[in-house]
């Protein structure tokens, strides 16, 4: 489950994927599409109250951890 406290910028997320994979993404920049939202913010206080302190992982580290795990798993 991903619980985000901070608004993440899509470009930063793509850059994190590029850094973790060593590949450059093909970007097809388009205007906002129907259903796209300009910004969203989740309030994670309830889940934190229910389960206790939540781990906080920087988006770059999280993407790198995922790519490393996926490559190990896919290598089987």
N, C-alpha and C. Protein backbone atom coordinates (compact mmCIF):
# COMPACT_ATOMS: atom_id res chain seq x y z
N UNK A 1 0.84 -1.17 0.00
CA UNK A 1 0.00 0.00 0.00
C UNK A 1 0.89 1.23 0.00
N UNK A 2 0.57 2.17 -0.83
CA UNK A 2 1.32 3.41 -0.89
C UNK A 2 0.50 4.51 -0.25
N UNK A 3 1.03 5.10 0.77
CA UNK A 3 0.37 6.22 1.44
C UNK A 3 1.28 7.41 1.29
N UNK A 4 0.82 8.39 0.59
CA UNK A 4 1.66 9.53 0.26
C UNK A 4 1.27 10.75 1.09
N UNK A 5 2.24 11.33 1.77
CA UNK A 5 2.01 12.53 2.55
C UNK A 5 2.25 13.79 1.75
N UNK A 6 3.06 13.69 0.73
CA UNK A 6 3.44 14.87 -0.04
C UNK A 6 2.95 14.74 -1.46
N UNK A 7 2.63 15.86 -2.07
CA UNK A 7 2.25 15.84 -3.47
C UNK A 7 3.49 15.50 -4.29
N UNK A 8 3.39 14.46 -5.07
CA UNK A 8 4.52 14.07 -5.92
C UNK A 8 4.30 14.65 -7.32
N UNK A 9 5.36 15.09 -7.91
CA UNK A 9 5.32 15.65 -9.25
C UNK A 9 5.59 14.51 -10.24
N UNK A 10 4.73 14.37 -11.25
CA UNK A 10 4.86 13.27 -12.21
C UNK A 10 6.25 13.25 -12.84
N UNK A 11 6.77 14.41 -13.21
CA UNK A 11 8.09 14.46 -13.82
C UNK A 11 9.17 13.90 -12.92
N UNK A 12 9.09 14.17 -11.61
CA UNK A 12 10.07 13.64 -10.65
C UNK A 12 9.95 12.12 -10.56
N UNK A 13 8.72 11.62 -10.63
CA UNK A 13 8.50 10.18 -10.59
C UNK A 13 9.11 9.51 -11.82
N UNK A 14 8.90 10.10 -12.98
CA UNK A 14 9.48 9.56 -14.21
C UNK A 14 11.01 9.61 -14.15
N UNK A 15 11.56 10.70 -13.64
CA UNK A 15 13.01 10.81 -13.49
C UNK A 15 13.55 9.74 -12.54
N UNK A 16 12.82 9.43 -11.49
CA UNK A 16 13.24 8.38 -10.56
C UNK A 16 13.26 7.03 -11.26
N UNK A 17 12.26 6.76 -12.09
CA UNK A 17 12.23 5.51 -12.85
C UNK A 17 13.40 5.45 -13.82
N UNK A 18 13.67 6.56 -14.51
CA UNK A 18 14.80 6.61 -15.43
C UNK A 18 16.11 6.34 -14.70
N UNK A 19 16.30 6.97 -13.55
CA UNK A 19 17.54 6.78 -12.79
C UNK A 19 17.68 5.34 -12.32
N UNK A 20 16.60 4.75 -11.86
CA UNK A 20 16.65 3.39 -11.33
C UNK A 20 16.86 2.35 -12.42
N UNK A 21 16.34 2.62 -13.61
CA UNK A 21 16.45 1.64 -14.70
C UNK A 21 17.63 1.89 -15.62
N UNK A 22 18.17 3.12 -15.57
CA UNK A 22 19.26 3.46 -16.48
C UNK A 22 18.78 3.67 -17.91
N UNK A 23 17.49 3.91 -18.05
CA UNK A 23 16.90 4.12 -19.37
C UNK A 23 16.19 5.47 -19.40
N UNK A 24 16.06 6.02 -20.60
CA UNK A 24 15.35 7.28 -20.78
C UNK A 24 13.94 6.99 -21.26
N UNK A 25 12.96 7.57 -20.61
CA UNK A 25 11.57 7.37 -20.98
C UNK A 25 11.23 8.16 -22.23
N UNK A 26 10.35 7.61 -23.04
CA UNK A 26 9.79 8.37 -24.15
C UNK A 26 8.61 9.14 -23.60
N UNK A 27 8.69 10.44 -23.61
CA UNK A 27 7.63 11.27 -23.05
C UNK A 27 6.74 11.81 -24.16
N UNK A 28 5.46 11.59 -23.99
CA UNK A 28 4.47 12.10 -24.93
C UNK A 28 3.63 13.11 -24.15
N UNK A 29 4.12 14.34 -24.07
CA UNK A 29 3.46 15.36 -23.27
C UNK A 29 2.18 15.80 -23.96
N UNK A 30 1.09 15.76 -23.20
CA UNK A 30 -0.22 16.09 -23.74
C UNK A 30 -0.93 17.01 -22.77
N UNK A 31 -1.95 17.73 -23.25
CA UNK A 31 -2.73 18.55 -22.33
C UNK A 31 -3.52 17.66 -21.37
N UNK A 32 -4.06 18.27 -20.33
CA UNK A 32 -4.88 17.53 -19.38
C UNK A 32 -5.97 16.78 -20.13
N UNK A 33 -6.24 15.56 -19.70
CA UNK A 33 -7.24 14.71 -20.32
C UNK A 33 -8.48 14.65 -19.44
N UNK A 34 -9.64 14.30 -20.02
CA UNK A 34 -10.85 14.15 -19.19
C UNK A 34 -10.58 13.16 -18.06
N UNK A 35 -10.93 13.57 -16.86
CA UNK A 35 -10.70 12.72 -15.69
C UNK A 35 -9.40 13.02 -14.96
N UNK A 36 -8.47 13.72 -15.59
CA UNK A 36 -7.24 14.12 -14.91
C UNK A 36 -7.58 15.14 -13.83
N UNK A 37 -6.84 15.12 -12.75
CA UNK A 37 -7.05 16.10 -11.69
C UNK A 37 -5.78 16.93 -11.54
N UNK A 38 -5.94 18.18 -11.19
CA UNK A 38 -4.79 19.07 -11.05
C UNK A 38 -3.98 18.73 -9.80
N UNK A 39 -4.66 18.35 -8.73
CA UNK A 39 -3.96 18.03 -7.49
C UNK A 39 -4.88 17.22 -6.58
N UNK A 40 -4.28 16.32 -5.83
CA UNK A 40 -5.02 15.58 -4.81
C UNK A 40 -4.14 15.47 -3.58
N UNK A 41 -4.75 15.38 -2.45
CA UNK A 41 -4.03 15.18 -1.20
C UNK A 41 -4.82 14.20 -0.35
N UNK A 42 -4.13 13.21 0.15
CA UNK A 42 -4.76 12.25 1.05
C UNK A 42 -4.47 12.65 2.49
N UNK A 43 -5.40 12.37 3.36
CA UNK A 43 -5.20 12.59 4.78
C UNK A 43 -4.98 11.22 5.42
N UNK A 44 -3.74 10.92 5.76
CA UNK A 44 -3.38 9.59 6.27
C UNK A 44 -3.44 9.52 7.79
N UNK A 45 -4.01 10.53 8.44
CA UNK A 45 -4.05 10.51 9.91
C UNK A 45 -4.85 9.34 10.47
N UNK A 46 -5.96 8.97 9.84
CA UNK A 46 -6.77 7.88 10.35
C UNK A 46 -6.01 6.56 10.30
N UNK A 47 -5.39 6.23 9.17
CA UNK A 47 -4.66 4.97 9.09
C UNK A 47 -3.48 4.96 10.04
N UNK A 48 -2.83 6.10 10.21
CA UNK A 48 -1.71 6.18 11.14
C UNK A 48 -2.21 5.97 12.57
N UNK A 49 -3.37 6.50 12.90
CA UNK A 49 -3.94 6.30 14.24
C UNK A 49 -4.31 4.83 14.45
N UNK A 50 -4.74 4.16 13.40
CA UNK A 50 -5.16 2.75 13.52
C UNK A 50 -3.99 1.79 13.58
N UNK A 51 -2.93 2.04 12.82
CA UNK A 51 -1.83 1.07 12.74
C UNK A 51 -0.53 1.56 13.38
N UNK A 52 -0.47 2.81 13.78
CA UNK A 52 0.75 3.34 14.37
C UNK A 52 1.57 4.07 13.33
N UNK A 53 2.79 4.38 13.70
CA UNK A 53 3.67 5.16 12.83
C UNK A 53 3.86 4.45 11.50
N UNK A 54 3.81 5.20 10.44
CA UNK A 54 3.99 4.67 9.09
C UNK A 54 5.40 4.95 8.61
N UNK A 55 5.99 4.00 7.88
CA UNK A 55 7.32 4.26 7.33
C UNK A 55 7.25 5.35 6.28
N UNK A 56 8.30 6.10 6.15
CA UNK A 56 8.37 7.15 5.14
C UNK A 56 9.58 6.89 4.26
N UNK A 57 9.31 6.72 2.98
CA UNK A 57 10.36 6.41 2.02
C UNK A 57 10.35 7.46 0.93
N UNK A 58 11.50 8.02 0.64
CA UNK A 58 11.62 8.98 -0.45
C UNK A 58 11.23 8.30 -1.76
N UNK A 59 10.55 9.00 -2.65
CA UNK A 59 10.06 8.42 -3.90
C UNK A 59 11.21 7.83 -4.72
N UNK A 60 12.37 8.47 -4.74
CA UNK A 60 13.51 7.94 -5.51
C UNK A 60 13.99 6.62 -4.93
N UNK A 61 14.07 6.55 -3.59
CA UNK A 61 14.48 5.30 -2.95
C UNK A 61 13.45 4.20 -3.18
N UNK A 62 12.17 4.54 -3.05
CA UNK A 62 11.12 3.55 -3.24
C UNK A 62 11.11 2.97 -4.64
N UNK A 63 11.27 3.82 -5.64
CA UNK A 63 11.32 3.34 -7.03
C UNK A 63 12.54 2.47 -7.23
N UNK A 64 13.68 2.89 -6.70
CA UNK A 64 14.92 2.09 -6.84
C UNK A 64 14.76 0.74 -6.16
N UNK A 65 14.18 0.70 -4.94
CA UNK A 65 13.95 -0.57 -4.25
C UNK A 65 13.05 -1.48 -5.08
N UNK A 66 11.98 -0.90 -5.66
CA UNK A 66 11.07 -1.69 -6.46
C UNK A 66 11.76 -2.25 -7.70
N UNK A 67 12.52 -1.41 -8.42
CA UNK A 67 13.20 -1.87 -9.63
C UNK A 67 14.20 -2.97 -9.28
N UNK A 68 14.95 -2.80 -8.20
CA UNK A 68 15.90 -3.84 -7.77
C UNK A 68 15.17 -5.15 -7.47
N UNK A 69 14.06 -5.05 -6.72
CA UNK A 69 13.28 -6.25 -6.39
C UNK A 69 12.75 -6.90 -7.65
N UNK A 70 12.18 -6.11 -8.56
CA UNK A 70 11.59 -6.65 -9.78
C UNK A 70 12.64 -7.36 -10.62
N UNK A 71 13.81 -6.77 -10.73
CA UNK A 71 14.87 -7.41 -11.53
C UNK A 71 15.29 -8.73 -10.90
N UNK A 72 15.37 -8.79 -9.57
CA UNK A 72 15.71 -10.06 -8.90
C UNK A 72 14.60 -11.08 -9.14
N UNK A 73 13.36 -10.67 -9.00
CA UNK A 73 12.22 -11.56 -9.17
C UNK A 73 12.11 -12.04 -10.62
N UNK A 74 12.26 -11.13 -11.56
CA UNK A 74 12.14 -11.46 -12.99
C UNK A 74 13.29 -12.38 -13.43
N UNK A 75 14.42 -12.27 -12.75
CA UNK A 75 15.58 -13.08 -13.11
C UNK A 75 15.42 -14.56 -12.81
N UNK A 76 14.39 -14.91 -12.08
CA UNK A 76 14.18 -16.33 -11.73
C UNK A 76 13.86 -17.17 -12.93
